[in-house]
Amino acid sequence: MSFTGKYQLQSQDNFEPFMKAVGLPDELIQKGKDVKSVSEIVQNGKHFKLTITSGSKVMHNEFTLGEECEMETMTGEKVKTVVKMEGDNKLVATFKNIKSVTELNGDTIISTMTLGDIVFKRVSKRI
């Protein structure tokens, strides 16, 4: 199953508590909570390029499944992680005590980030 496409955020749960927990300043949390970000994914075999546009902020990440890579987090910090594929539709990574799961179902991507007991869930649709 190919992840390639553009996806627009439709809904999200626990944005504010999660962003507070990862250390994002309140001012940025308030600015970002209503932004309908667009994620563009280009998959070429095991190689992925991800561009997330949230208002004026653009974040680029690139990785190859199973290989260590450096990723930029929502706070702008660079972290090292390994992204793995579970089944043919789920990308899983762990960094800074956060477990990130991105699952593709048809034209819908469900991203879940878990930090302690806070689960931040985003649902995006292909556009």
PDB file of N, CA and C in Angstrom:
ATOM      1  N   MET A   1       0.844  -1.174   0.000  1.00  0.00           N
ATOM      2  CA  MET A   1       0.000   0.000   0.000  1.00  0.00           C
ATOM      3  C   MET A   1       0.893   1.242   0.000  1.00  0.00           C
ATOM      4  N   SER A   2       0.639   2.184  -0.893  1.00  0.00           N
ATOM      5  CA  SER A   2       1.473   3.377  -0.995  1.00  0.00           C
ATOM      6  C   SER A   2       0.906   4.526  -0.166  1.00  0.00           C
ATOM      7  N   PHE A   3       1.777   5.163   0.596  1.00  0.00           N
ATOM      8  CA  PHE A   3       1.398   6.325   1.395  1.00  0.00           C
ATOM      9  C   PHE A   3       1.416   7.614   0.569  1.00  0.00           C
ATOM     10  N   THR A   4       1.948   7.577  -0.661  1.00  0.00           N
ATOM     11  CA  THR A   4       2.127   8.787  -1.458  1.00  0.00           C
ATOM     12  C   THR A   4       0.812   9.538  -1.615  1.00  0.00           C
ATOM     13  N   GLY A   5       0.880  10.848  -1.361  1.00  0.00           N
ATOM     14  CA  GLY A   5      -0.295  11.704  -1.531  1.00  0.00           C
ATOM     15  C   GLY A   5      -0.236  12.914  -0.628  1.00  0.00           C
ATOM     16  N   LYS A   6      -1.265  13.781  -0.769  1.00  0.00           N
ATOM     17  CA  LYS A   6      -1.421  14.954   0.094  1.00  0.00           C
ATOM     18  C   LYS A   6      -2.620  14.704   0.979  1.00  0.00           C
ATOM     19  N   TYR A   7      -2.468  15.034   2.254  1.00  0.00           N
ATOM     20  CA  TYR A   7      -3.516  14.770   3.242  1.00  0.00           C
ATOM     21  C   TYR A   7      -3.762  16.030   4.068  1.00  0.00           C
ATOM     22  N   GLN A   8      -5.039  16.397   4.240  1.00  0.00           N
ATOM     23  CA  GLN A   8      -5.369  17.565   5.051  1.00  0.00           C
ATOM     24  C   GLN A   8      -5.973  17.128   6.377  1.00  0.00           C
ATOM     25  N   LEU A   9      -5.533  17.786   7.447  1.00  0.00           N
ATOM     26  CA  LEU A   9      -6.030  17.482   8.780  1.00  0.00           C
ATOM     27  C   LEU A   9      -7.538  17.713   8.842  1.00  0.00           C
ATOM     28  N   GLN A  10      -8.271  16.716   9.353  1.00  0.00           N
ATOM     29  CA  GLN A  10      -9.723  16.818   9.521  1.00  0.00           C
ATOM     30  C   GLN A  10     -10.090  17.036  10.983  1.00  0.00           C
ATOM     31  N   SER A  11      -9.424  16.317  11.894  1.00  0.00           N
ATOM     32  CA  SER A  11      -9.725  16.445  13.318  1.00  0.00           C
ATOM     33  C   SER A  11      -8.516  16.022  14.135  1.00  0.00           C
ATOM     34  N   GLN A  12      -8.501  16.467  15.391  1.00  0.00           N
ATOM     35  CA  GLN A  12      -7.426  16.068  16.300  1.00  0.00           C
ATOM     36  C   GLN A  12      -7.934  16.082  17.732  1.00  0.00           C
ATOM     37  N   ASP A  13      -7.398  15.167  18.538  1.00  0.00           N
ATOM     38  CA  ASP A  13      -7.756  15.045  19.948  1.00  0.00           C
ATOM     39  C   ASP A  13      -6.507  15.230  20.799  1.00  0.00           C
ATOM     40  N   ASN A  14      -6.643  15.949  21.907  1.00  0.00           N
ATOM     41  CA  ASN A  14      -5.584  16.142  22.904  1.00  0.00           C
ATOM     42  C   ASN A  14      -4.395  16.944  22.387  1.00  0.00           C
ATOM     43  N   PHE A  15      -4.635  17.873  21.439  1.00  0.00           N
ATOM     44  CA  PHE A  15      -3.554  18.713  20.914  1.00  0.00           C
ATOM     45  C   PHE A  15      -2.889  19.512  22.038  1.00  0.00           C
ATOM     46  N   GLU A  16      -3.698  20.274  22.790  1.00  0.00           N
ATOM     47  CA  GLU A  16      -3.122  21.159  23.806  1.00  0.00           C
ATOM     48  C   GLU A  16      -2.366  20.412  24.903  1.00  0.00           C
ATOM     49  N   PRO A  17      -2.951  19.360  25.542  1.00  0.00           N
ATOM     50  CA  PRO A  17      -2.190  18.670  26.592  1.00  0.00           C
ATOM     51  C   PRO A  17      -0.902  18.034  26.073  1.00  0.00           C
ATOM     52  N   PHE A  18      -0.938  17.491  24.845  1.00  0.00           N
ATOM     53  CA  PHE A  18       0.257  16.854  24.294  1.00  0.00           C
ATOM     54  C   PHE A  18       1.343  17.892  24.030  1.00  0.00           C
ATOM     55  N   MET A  19       0.971  19.006  23.394  1.00  0.00           N
ATOM     56  CA  MET A  19       1.963  20.044  23.076  1.00  0.00           C
ATOM     57  C   MET A  19       2.559  20.652  24.341  1.00  0.00           C
ATOM     58  N   LYS A  20       1.748  20.818  25.386  1.00  0.00           N
ATOM     59  CA  LYS A  20       2.272  21.299  26.675  1.00  0.00           C
ATOM     60  C   LYS A  20       3.293  20.291  27.209  1.00  0.00           C
ATOM     61  N   ALA A  21       2.963  19.004  27.115  1.00  0.00           N
ATOM     62  CA  ALA A  21       3.835  17.947  27.649  1.00  0.00           C
ATOM     63  C   ALA A  21       5.176  17.888  26.918  1.00  0.00           C
ATOM     64  N   VAL A  22       5.200  18.224  25.619  1.00  0.00           N
ATOM     65  CA  VAL A  22       6.474  18.185  24.882  1.00  0.00           C
ATOM     66  C   VAL A  22       7.217  19.516  24.960  1.00  0.00           C
ATOM     67  N   GLY A  23       6.608  20.505  25.642  1.00  0.00           N
ATOM     68  CA  GLY A  23       7.323  21.753  25.892  1.00  0.00           C
ATOM     69  C   GLY A  23       7.084  22.872  24.901  1.00  0.00           C
ATOM     70  N   LEU A  24       6.037  22.779  24.089  1.00  0.00           N
ATOM     71  CA  LEU A  24       5.738  23.867  23.152  1.00  0.00           C
ATOM     72  C   LEU A  24       5.160  25.037  23.951  1.00  0.00           C
ATOM     73  N   PRO A  25       5.619  26.271  23.701  1.00  0.00           N
ATOM     74  CA  PRO A  25       5.098  27.429  24.438  1.00  0.00           C
ATOM     75  C   PRO A  25       3.598  27.638  24.183  1.00  0.00           C
ATOM     76  N   ASP A  26       2.892  28.154  25.213  1.00  0.00           N
ATOM     77  CA  ASP A  26       1.443  28.377  25.112  1.00  0.00           C
ATOM     78  C   ASP A  26       1.061  29.213  23.896  1.00  0.00           C
ATOM     79  N   GLU A  27       1.868  30.221  23.587  1.00  0.00           N
ATOM     80  CA  GLU A  27       1.571  31.101  22.446  1.00  0.00           C
ATOM     81  C   GLU A  27       1.503  30.285  21.145  1.00  0.00           C
ATOM     82  N   LEU A  28       2.440  29.370  20.958  1.00  0.00           N
ATOM     83  CA  LEU A  28       2.456  28.545  19.743  1.00  0.00           C
ATOM     84  C   LEU A  28       1.328  27.513  19.765  1.00  0.00           C
ATOM     85  N   ILE A  29       0.984  27.025  20.952  1.00  0.00           N
ATOM     86  CA  ILE A  29      -0.127  26.071  21.068  1.00  0.00           C
ATOM     87  C   ILE A  29      -1.422  26.747  20.643  1.00  0.00           C
ATOM     88  N   GLN A  30      -1.650  27.964  21.124  1.00  0.00           N
ATOM     89  CA  GLN A  30      -2.880  28.685  20.772  1.00  0.00           C
ATOM     90  C   GLN A  30      -2.936  28.984  19.274  1.00  0.00           C
ATOM     91  N   LYS A  31      -1.786  29.360  18.689  1.00  0.00           N
ATOM     92  CA  LYS A  31      -1.724  29.636  17.246  1.00  0.00           C
ATOM     93  C   LYS A  31      -1.992  28.374  16.434  1.00  0.00           C
ATOM     94  N   GLY A  32      -1.477  27.238  16.899  1.00  0.00           N
ATOM     95  CA  GLY A  32      -1.505  26.015  16.109  1.00  0.00           C
ATOM     96  C   GLY A  32      -2.739  25.156  16.255  1.00  0.00           C
ATOM     97  N   LYS A  33      -3.543  25.409  17.298  1.00  0.00           N
ATOM     98  CA  LYS A  33      -4.616  24.453  17.589  1.00  0.00           C
ATOM     99  C   LYS A  33      -5.720  24.402  16.539  1.00  0.00           C
ATOM    100  N   ASP A  34      -5.911  25.478  15.785  1.00  0.00           N
ATOM    101  CA  ASP A  34      -6.975  25.483  14.776  1.00  0.00           C
ATOM    102  C   ASP A  34      -6.455  25.412  13.344  1.00  0.00           C
ATOM    103  N   VAL A  35      -5.141  25.261  13.193  1.00  0.00           N
ATOM    104  CA  VAL A  35      -4.550  25.203  11.843  1.00  0.00           C
ATOM    105  C   VAL A  35      -4.825  23.834  11.225  1.00  0.00           C
ATOM    106  N   LYS A  36      -5.338  23.832   9.999  1.00  0.00           N
ATOM    107  CA  LYS A  36      -5.593  22.584   9.271  1.00  0.00           C
ATOM    108  C   LYS A  36      -4.359  22.272   8.428  1.00  0.00           C
ATOM    109  N   SER A  37      -3.388  21.620   9.034  1.00  0.00           N
ATOM    110  CA  SER A  37      -2.132  21.347   8.355  1.00  0.00           C
ATOM    111  C   SER A  37      -2.331  20.393   7.172  1.00  0.00           C
ATOM    112  N   VAL A  38      -1.395  20.488   6.220  1.00  0.00           N
ATOM    113  CA  VAL A  38      -1.385  19.603   5.058  1.00  0.00           C
ATOM    114  C   VAL A  38      -0.072  18.821   5.087  1.00  0.00           C
ATOM    115  N   SER A  39      -0.188  17.499   4.990  1.00  0.00           N
ATOM    116  CA  SER A  39       0.987  16.628   4.942  1.00  0.00           C
ATOM    117  C   SER A  39       1.114  16.073   3.536  1.00  0.00           C
ATOM    118  N   GLU A  40       2.317  16.165   2.979  1.00  0.00           N
ATOM    119  CA  GLU A  40       2.575  15.563   1.672  1.00  0.00           C
ATOM    120  C   GLU A  40       3.604  14.462   1.865  1.00  0.00           C
ATOM    121  N   ILE A  41       3.248  13.266   1.406  1.00  0.00           N
ATOM    122  CA  ILE A  41       4.126  12.106   1.552  1.00  0.00           C
ATOM    123  C   ILE A  41       4.494  11.602   0.163  1.00  0.00           C
ATOM    124  N   VAL A  42       5.783  11.383  -0.038  1.00  0.00           N
ATOM    125  CA  VAL A  42       6.256  10.756  -1.268  1.00  0.00           C
ATOM    126  C   VAL A  42       6.987   9.485  -0.847  1.00  0.00           C
ATOM    127  N   GLN A  43       6.438   8.345  -1.256  1.00  0.00           N
ATOM    128  CA  GLN A  43       7.045   7.058  -0.921  1.00  0.00           C
ATOM    129  C   GLN A  43       7.628   6.455  -2.186  1.00  0.00           C
ATOM    130  N   ASN A  44       8.892   6.049  -2.079  1.00  0.00           N
ATOM    131  CA  ASN A  44       9.565   5.375  -3.185  1.00  0.00           C
ATOM    132  C   ASN A  44      10.175   4.109  -2.586  1.00  0.00           C
ATOM    133  N   GLY A  45       9.420   3.013  -2.635  1.00  0.00           N
ATOM    134  CA  GLY A  45       9.878   1.775  -2.002  1.00  0.00           C
ATOM    135  C   GLY A  45       9.943   1.958  -0.501  1.00  0.00           C
ATOM    136  N   LYS A  46      11.169   1.814   0.075  1.00  0.00           N
ATOM    137  CA  LYS A  46      11.345   1.959   1.528  1.00  0.00           C
ATOM    138  C   LYS A  46      11.713   3.379   1.929  1.00  0.00           C
ATOM    139  N   HIS A  47      11.828   4.274   0.947  1.00  0.00           N
ATOM    140  CA  HIS A  47      12.253   5.658   1.211  1.00  0.00           C
ATOM    141  C   HIS A  47      11.036   6.585   1.242  1.00  0.00           C
ATOM    142  N   PHE A  48      10.968   7.450   2.258  1.00  0.00           N
ATOM    143  CA  PHE A  48       9.854   8.372   2.430  1.00  0.00           C
ATOM    144  C   PHE A  48      10.356   9.803   2.556  1.00  0.00           C
ATOM    145  N   LYS A  49       9.628  10.739   1.919  1.00  0.00           N
ATOM    146  CA  LYS A  49       9.840  12.169   2.128  1.00  0.00           C
ATOM    147  C   LYS A  49       8.524  12.717   2.643  1.00  0.00           C
ATOM    148  N   LEU A  50       8.595  13.462   3.732  1.00  0.00           N
ATOM    149  CA  LEU A  50       7.404  13.987   4.377  1.00  0.00           C
ATOM    150  C   LEU A  50       7.546  15.498   4.520  1.00  0.00           C
ATOM    151  N   THR A  51       6.558  16.242   4.032  1.00  0.00           N
ATOM    152  CA  THR A  51       6.515  17.691   4.188  1.00  0.00           C
ATOM    153  C   THR A  51       5.207  18.035   4.866  1.00  0.00           C
ATOM    154  N   ILE A  52       5.294  18.709   6.022  1.00  0.00           N
ATOM    155  CA  ILE A  52       4.094  19.115   6.750  1.00  0.00           C
ATOM    156  C   ILE A  52       4.055  20.634   6.765  1.00  0.00           C
ATOM    157  N   THR A  53       2.975  21.205   6.232  1.00  0.00           N
ATOM    158  CA  THR A  53       2.783  22.648   6.205  1.00  0.00           C
ATOM    159  C   THR A  53       1.672  23.004   7.181  1.00  0.00           C
ATOM    160  N   SER A  54       2.022  23.775   8.202  1.00  0.00           N
ATOM    161  CA  SER A  54       1.055  24.231   9.207  1.00  0.00           C
ATOM    162  C   SER A  54       1.108  25.750   9.245  1.00  0.00           C
ATOM    163  N   GLY A  55       0.169  26.397   8.547  1.00  0.00           N
ATOM    164  CA  GLY A  55       0.226  27.854   8.448  1.00  0.00           C
ATOM    165  C   GLY A  55       1.494  28.248   7.729  1.00  0.00           C
ATOM    166  N   SER A  56       2.351  29.047   8.392  1.00  0.00           N
ATOM    167  CA  SER A  56       3.598  29.494   7.753  1.00  0.00           C
ATOM    168  C   SER A  56       4.769  28.563   8.068  1.00  0.00           C
ATOM    169  N   LYS A  57       4.569  27.587   8.955  1.00  0.00           N
ATOM    170  CA  LYS A  57       5.650  26.663   9.328  1.00  0.00           C
ATOM    171  C   LYS A  57       5.655  25.456   8.390  1.00  0.00           C
ATOM    172  N   VAL A  58       6.823  25.158   7.859  1.00  0.00           N
ATOM    173  CA  VAL A  58       6.983  23.991   6.986  1.00  0.00           C
ATOM    174  C   VAL A  58       8.065  23.104   7.589  1.00  0.00           C
ATOM    175  N   MET A  59       7.739  21.819   7.760  1.00  0.00           N
ATOM    176  CA  MET A  59       8.676  20.860   8.348  1.00  0.00           C
ATOM    177  C   MET A  59       8.944  19.760   7.318  1.00  0.00           C
ATOM    178  N   HIS A  60      10.228  19.464   7.093  1.00  0.00           N
ATOM    179  CA  HIS A  60      10.631  18.417   6.146  1.00  0.00           C
ATOM    180  C   HIS A  60      11.316  17.290   6.915  1.00  0.00           C
ATOM    181  N   ASN A  61      10.912  16.068   6.644  1.00  0.00           N
ATOM    182  CA  ASN A  61      11.600  14.895   7.185  1.00  0.00           C
ATOM    183  C   ASN A  61      11.748  13.858   6.082  1.00  0.00           C
ATOM    184  N   GLU A  62      12.834  13.115   6.155  1.00  0.00           N
ATOM    185  CA  GLU A  62      13.112  12.093   5.146  1.00  0.00           C
ATOM    186  C   GLU A  62      13.693  10.888   5.871  1.00  0.00           C
ATOM    187  N   PHE A  63      13.249   9.693   5.471  1.00  0.00           N
ATOM    188  CA  PHE A  63      13.763   8.494   6.127  1.00  0.00           C
ATOM    189  C   PHE A  63      13.631   7.283   5.216  1.00  0.00           C
ATOM    190  N   THR A  64      14.426   6.266   5.546  1.00  0.00           N
ATOM    191  CA  THR A  64      14.353   4.962   4.893  1.00  0.00           C
ATOM    192  C   THR A  64      13.976   3.961   5.972  1.00  0.00           C
ATOM    193  N   LEU A  65      12.967   3.145   5.699  1.00  0.00           N
ATOM    194  CA  LEU A  65      12.501   2.163   6.678  1.00  0.00           C
ATOM    195  C   LEU A  65      13.650   1.313   7.206  1.00  0.00           C
ATOM    196  N   GLY A  66      13.697   1.155   8.543  1.00  0.00           N
ATOM    197  CA  GLY A  66      14.686   0.287   9.163  1.00  0.00           C
ATOM    198  C   GLY A  66      16.060   0.885   9.345  1.00  0.00           C
ATOM    199  N   GLU A  67      16.272   2.147   8.896  1.00  0.00           N
ATOM    200  CA  GLU A  67      17.579   2.796   9.031  1.00  0.00           C
ATOM    201  C   GLU A  67      17.468   3.995   9.959  1.00  0.00           C
ATOM    202  N   GLU A  68      18.504   4.195  10.788  1.00  0.00           N
ATOM    203  CA  GLU A  68      18.489   5.351  11.683  1.00  0.00           C
ATOM    204  C   GLU A  68      18.476   6.637  10.862  1.00  0.00           C
ATOM    205  N   CYS A  69      17.674   7.603  11.314  1.00  0.00           N
ATOM    206  CA  CYS A  69      17.597   8.884  10.615  1.00  0.00           C
ATOM    207  C   CYS A  69      17.445   9.996  11.643  1.00  0.00           C
ATOM    208  N   GLU A  70      17.611  11.223  11.186  1.00  0.00           N
ATOM    209  CA  GLU A  70      17.388  12.381  12.038  1.00  0.00           C
ATOM    210  C   GLU A  70      16.086  13.020  11.585  1.00  0.00           C
ATOM    211  N   MET A  71      15.173  13.249  12.546  1.00  0.00           N
ATOM    212  CA  MET A  71      13.876  13.841  12.229  1.00  0.00           C
ATOM    213  C   MET A  71      13.704  15.107  13.044  1.00  0.00           C
ATOM    214  N   GLU A  72      12.957  16.059  12.472  1.00  0.00           N
ATOM    215  CA  GLU A  72      12.607  17.268  13.201  1.00  0.00           C
ATOM    216  C   GLU A  72      11.265  17.042  13.886  1.00  0.00           C
ATOM    217  N   THR A  73      11.187  17.396  15.169  1.00  0.00           N
ATOM    218  CA  THR A  73       9.936  17.237  15.911  1.00  0.00           C
ATOM    219  C   THR A  73       9.106  18.519  15.812  1.00  0.00           C
ATOM    220  N   MET A  74       7.893  18.476  16.370  1.00  0.00           N
ATOM    221  CA  MET A  74       7.015  19.635  16.337  1.00  0.00           C
ATOM    222  C   MET A  74       7.564  20.830  17.113  1.00  0.00           C
ATOM    223  N   THR A  75       8.555  20.596  17.991  1.00  0.00           N
ATOM    224  CA  THR A  75       9.179  21.694  18.742  1.00  0.00           C
ATOM    225  C   THR A  75      10.404  22.238  17.999  1.00  0.00           C
ATOM    226  N   GLY A  76      10.737  21.637  16.849  1.00  0.00           N
ATOM    227  CA  GLY A  76      11.893  22.081  16.081  1.00  0.00           C
ATOM    228  C   GLY A  76      13.168  21.346  16.439  1.00  0.00           C
ATOM    229  N   GLU A  77      13.091  20.486  17.448  1.00  0.00           N
ATOM    230  CA  GLU A  77      14.251  19.713  17.891  1.00  0.00           C
ATOM    231  C   GLU A  77      14.550  18.594  16.895  1.00  0.00           C
ATOM    232  N   LYS A  78      15.837  18.277  16.732  1.00  0.00           N
ATOM    233  CA  LYS A  78      16.250  17.162  15.872  1.00  0.00           C
ATOM    234  C   LYS A  78      16.480  15.937  16.755  1.00  0.00           C
ATOM    235  N   VAL A  79      15.877  14.816  16.364  1.00  0.00           N
ATOM    236  CA  VAL A  79      16.038  13.576  17.124  1.00  0.00           C
ATOM    237  C   VAL A  79      16.416  12.434  16.186  1.00  0.00           C
ATOM    238  N   LYS A  80      17.116  11.458  16.728  1.00  0.00           N
ATOM    239  CA  LYS A  80      17.449  10.265  15.938  1.00  0.00           C
ATOM    240  C   LYS A  80      16.426   9.179  16.252  1.00  0.00           C
ATOM    241  N   THR A  81      15.981   8.482  15.216  1.00  0.00           N
ATOM    242  CA  THR A  81      15.015   7.409  15.394  1.00  0.00           C
ATOM    243  C   THR A  81      15.119   6.432  14.229  1.00  0.00           C
ATOM    244  N   VAL A  82      14.439   5.311  14.357  1.00  0.00           N
ATOM    245  CA  VAL A  82      14.322   4.334  13.273  1.00  0.00           C
ATOM    246  C   VAL A  82      12.822   4.139  13.024  1.00  0.00           C
ATOM    247  N   VAL A  83      12.395   4.350  11.789  1.00  0.00           N
ATOM    248  CA  VAL A  83      10.989   4.147  11.430  1.00  0.00           C
ATOM    249  C   VAL A  83      10.850   2.739  10.862  1.00  0.00           C
ATOM    250  N   LYS A  84       9.855   2.009  11.391  1.00  0.00           N
ATOM    251  CA  LYS A  84       9.609   0.646  10.924  1.00  0.00           C
ATOM    252  C   LYS A  84       8.208   0.543  10.354  1.00  0.00           C
ATOM    253  N   MET A  85       8.023  -0.419   9.448  1.00  0.00           N
ATOM    254  CA  MET A  85       6.702  -0.684   8.869  1.00  0.00           C
ATOM    255  C   MET A  85       6.126  -1.906   9.576  1.00  0.00           C
ATOM    256  N   GLU A  86       4.890  -1.768  10.047  1.00  0.00           N
ATOM    257  CA  GLU A  86       4.167  -2.914  10.599  1.00  0.00           C
ATOM    258  C   GLU A  86       3.048  -3.237   9.626  1.00  0.00           C
ATOM    259  N   GLY A  87       2.988  -4.487   9.168  1.00  0.00           N
ATOM    260  CA  GLY A  87       2.022  -4.836   8.121  1.00  0.00           C
ATOM    261  C   GLY A  87       2.390  -4.078   6.863  1.00  0.00           C
ATOM    262  N   ASP A  88       1.397  -3.649   6.086  1.00  0.00           N
ATOM    263  CA  ASP A  88       1.714  -2.866   4.880  1.00  0.00           C
ATOM    264  C   ASP A  88       1.120  -1.466   4.957  1.00  0.00           C
ATOM    265  N   ASN A  89       0.597  -1.071   6.151  1.00  0.00           N
ATOM    266  CA  ASN A  89      -0.058   0.234   6.213  1.00  0.00           C
ATOM    267  C   ASN A  89       0.215   1.011   7.509  1.00  0.00           C
ATOM    268  N   LYS A  90       1.260   0.628   8.267  1.00  0.00           N
ATOM    269  CA  LYS A  90       1.493   1.282   9.546  1.00  0.00           C
ATOM    270  C   LYS A  90       2.977   1.603   9.719  1.00  0.00           C
ATOM    271  N   LEU A  91       3.289   2.891   9.957  1.00  0.00           N
ATOM    272  CA  LEU A  91       4.653   3.340  10.226  1.00  0.00           C
ATOM    273  C   LEU A  91       4.776   3.599  11.722  1.00  0.00           C
ATOM    274  N   VAL A  92       5.837   3.067  12.345  1.00  0.00           N
ATOM    275  CA  VAL A  92       6.006   3.174  13.790  1.00  0.00           C
ATOM    276  C   VAL A  92       7.417   3.676  14.099  1.00  0.00           C
ATOM    277  N   ALA A  93       7.495   4.660  15.014  1.00  0.00           N
ATOM    278  CA  ALA A  93       8.793   5.178  15.465  1.00  0.00           C
ATOM    279  C   ALA A  93       8.672   5.581  16.931  1.00  0.00           C
ATOM    280  N   THR A  94       9.803   5.575  17.634  1.00  0.00           N
ATOM    281  CA  THR A  94       9.838   6.034  19.022  1.00  0.00           C
ATOM    282  C   THR A  94      10.998   7.006  19.171  1.00  0.00           C
ATOM    283  N   PHE A  95      10.728   8.162  19.803  1.00  0.00           N
ATOM    284  CA  PHE A  95      11.768   9.155  20.071  1.00  0.00           C
ATOM    285  C   PHE A  95      11.355   9.962  21.296  1.00  0.00           C
ATOM    286  N   LYS A  96      12.324  10.263  22.156  1.00  0.00           N
ATOM    287  CA  LYS A  96      12.085  11.065  23.364  1.00  0.00           C
ATOM    288  C   LYS A  96      10.862  10.595  24.155  1.00  0.00           C
ATOM    289  N   ASN A  97      10.744   9.298  24.372  1.00  0.00           N
ATOM    290  CA  ASN A  97       9.635   8.695  25.124  1.00  0.00           C
ATOM    291  C   ASN A  97       8.274   8.857  24.452  1.00  0.00           C
ATOM    292  N   ILE A  98       8.266   9.222  23.170  1.00  0.00           N
ATOM    293  CA  ILE A  98       7.026   9.356  22.399  1.00  0.00           C
ATOM    294  C   ILE A  98       6.957   8.200  21.413  1.00  0.00           C
ATOM    295  N   LYS A  99       5.818   7.496  21.408  1.00  0.00           N
ATOM    296  CA  LYS A  99       5.605   6.462  20.398  1.00  0.00           C
ATOM    297  C   LYS A  99       4.700   7.055  19.332  1.00  0.00           C
ATOM    298  N   SER A 100       5.165   7.024  18.095  1.00  0.00           N
ATOM    299  CA  SER A 100       4.429   7.579  16.971  1.00  0.00           C
ATOM    300  C   SER A 100       3.975   6.448  16.055  1.00  0.00           C
ATOM    301  N   VAL A 101       2.668   6.396  15.775  1.00  0.00           N
ATOM    302  CA  VAL A 101       2.107   5.402  14.866  1.00  0.00           C
ATOM    303  C   VAL A 101       1.300   6.134  13.806  1.00  0.00           C
ATOM    304  N   THR A 102       1.608   5.882  12.535  1.00  0.00           N
ATOM    305  CA  THR A 102       0.883   6.486  11.422  1.00  0.00           C
ATOM    306  C   THR A 102       0.294   5.355  10.605  1.00  0.00           C
ATOM    307  N   GLU A 103      -1.039   5.323  10.533  1.00  0.00           N
ATOM    308  CA  GLU A 103      -1.734   4.220   9.874  1.00  0.00           C
ATOM    309  C   GLU A 103      -2.555   4.731   8.704  1.00  0.00           C
ATOM    310  N   LEU A 104      -2.371   4.096   7.542  1.00  0.00           N
ATOM    311  CA  LEU A 104      -3.110   4.459   6.328  1.00  0.00           C
ATOM    312  C   LEU A 104      -4.243   3.464   6.111  1.00  0.00           C
ATOM    313  N   ASN A 105      -5.459   3.991   6.017  1.00  0.00           N
ATOM    314  CA  ASN A 105      -6.642   3.172   5.710  1.00  0.00           C
ATOM    315  C   ASN A 105      -7.370   3.838   4.550  1.00  0.00           C
ATOM    316  N   GLY A 106      -7.186   3.310   3.333  1.00  0.00           N
ATOM    317  CA  GLY A 106      -7.820   3.925   2.165  1.00  0.00           C
ATOM    318  C   GLY A 106      -7.287   5.328   1.954  1.00  0.00           C
ATOM    319  N   ASP A 107      -8.172   6.344   2.045  1.00  0.00           N
ATOM    320  CA  ASP A 107      -7.768   7.742   1.859  1.00  0.00           C
ATOM    321  C   ASP A 107      -7.624   8.474   3.182  1.00  0.00           C
ATOM    322  N   THR A 108      -7.556   7.738   4.281  1.00  0.00           N
ATOM    323  CA  THR A 108      -7.468   8.346   5.607  1.00  0.00           C
ATOM    324  C   THR A 108      -6.172   7.921   6.295  1.00  0.00           C
ATOM    325  N   ILE A 109      -5.491   8.912   6.887  1.00  0.00           N
ATOM    326  CA  ILE A 109      -4.314   8.631   7.700  1.00  0.00           C
ATOM    327  C   ILE A 109      -4.657   8.988   9.142  1.00  0.00           C
ATOM    328  N   ILE A 110      -4.423   8.040  10.034  1.00  0.00           N
ATOM    329  CA  ILE A 110      -4.614   8.276  11.462  1.00  0.00           C
ATOM    330  C   ILE A 110      -3.236   8.250  12.105  1.00  0.00           C
ATOM    331  N   SER A 111      -2.854   9.400  12.693  1.00  0.00           N
ATOM    332  CA  SER A 111      -1.560   9.506  13.370  1.00  0.00           C
ATOM    333  C   SER A 111      -1.820   9.582  14.869  1.00  0.00           C
ATOM    334  N   THR A 112      -1.130   8.731  15.608  1.00  0.00           N
ATOM    335  CA  THR A 112      -1.270   8.717  17.056  1.00  0.00           C
ATOM    336  C   THR A 112       0.112   8.866  17.675  1.00  0.00           C
ATOM    337  N   MET A 113       0.245   9.831  18.586  1.00  0.00           N
ATOM    338  CA  MET A 113       1.500  10.007  19.320  1.00  0.00           C
ATOM    339  C   MET A 113       1.172   9.862  20.795  1.00  0.00           C
ATOM    340  N   THR A 114       1.904   8.975  21.463  1.00  0.00           N
ATOM    341  CA  THR A 114       1.637   8.694  22.868  1.00  0.00           C
ATOM    342  C   THR A 114       2.850   9.082  23.708  1.00  0.00           C
ATOM    343  N   LEU A 115       2.597   9.899  24.742  1.00  0.00           N
ATOM    344  CA  LEU A 115       3.631  10.305  25.686  1.00  0.00           C
ATOM    345  C   LEU A 115       3.047  10.090  27.075  1.00  0.00           C
ATOM    346  N   GLY A 116       3.556   9.086  27.787  1.00  0.00           N
ATOM    347  CA  GLY A 116       2.975   8.751  29.091  1.00  0.00           C
ATOM    348  C   GLY A 116       1.527   8.327  28.891  1.00  0.00           C
ATOM    349  N   ASP A 117       0.609   9.021  29.583  1.00  0.00           N
ATOM    350  CA  ASP A 117      -0.809   8.673  29.433  1.00  0.00           C
ATOM    351  C   ASP A 117      -1.560   9.627  28.508  1.00  0.00           C
ATOM    352  N   ILE A 118      -0.831  10.502  27.799  1.00  0.00           N
ATOM    353  CA  ILE A 118      -1.461  11.437  26.852  1.00  0.00           C
ATOM    354  C   ILE A 118      -1.387  10.846  25.448  1.00  0.00           C
ATOM    355  N   VAL A 119      -2.546  10.719  24.803  1.00  0.00           N
ATOM    356  CA  VAL A 119      -2.611  10.207  23.433  1.00  0.00           C
ATOM    357  C   VAL A 119      -3.121  11.327  22.532  1.00  0.00           C
ATOM    358  N   PHE A 120      -2.256  11.780  21.628  1.00  0.00           N
ATOM    359  CA  PHE A 120      -2.567  12.843  20.676  1.00  0.00           C
ATOM    360  C   PHE A 120      -2.903  12.163  19.355  1.00  0.00           C
ATOM    361  N   LYS A 121      -4.141  12.344  18.893  1.00  0.00           N
ATOM    362  CA  LYS A 121      -4.603  11.663  17.690  1.00  0.00           C
ATOM    363  C   LYS A 121      -4.992  12.686  16.635  1.00  0.00           C
ATOM    364  N   ARG A 122      -4.523  12.451  15.401  1.00  0.00           N
ATOM    365  CA  ARG A 122      -4.862  13.320  14.266  1.00  0.00           C
ATOM    366  C   ARG A 122      -5.428  12.451  13.146  1.00  0.00           C
ATOM    367  N   VAL A 123      -6.497  12.916  12.537  1.00  0.00           N
ATOM    368  CA  VAL A 123      -7.111  12.212  11.408  1.00  0.00           C
ATOM    369  C   VAL A 123      -7.018  13.154  10.202  1.00  0.00           C
ATOM    370  N   SER A 124      -6.395  12.663   9.111  1.00  0.00           N
ATOM    371  CA  SER A 124      -6.251  13.452   7.890  1.00  0.00           C
ATOM    372  C   SER A 124      -6.810  12.669   6.714  1.00  0.00           C
ATOM    373  N   LYS A 125      -7.373  13.396   5.732  1.00  0.00           N
ATOM    374  CA  LYS A 125      -7.953  12.781   4.527  1.00  0.00           C
ATOM    375  C   LYS A 125      -7.148  13.196   3.307  1.00  0.00           C
ATOM    376  N   ARG A 126      -7.044  12.272   2.353  1.00  0.00           N
ATOM    377  CA  ARG A 126      -6.344  12.539   1.100  1.00  0.00           C
ATOM    378  C   ARG A 126      -7.100  13.632   0.339  1.00  0.00           C
ATOM    379  N   ILE A 127      -6.338  14.598  -0.222  1.00  0.00           N
ATOM    380  CA  ILE A 127      -6.958  15.680  -1.003  1.00  0.00           C
ATOM    381  C   ILE A 127      -6.457  15.656  -2.425  1.00  0.00           C
TER     382      ILE A 127
END
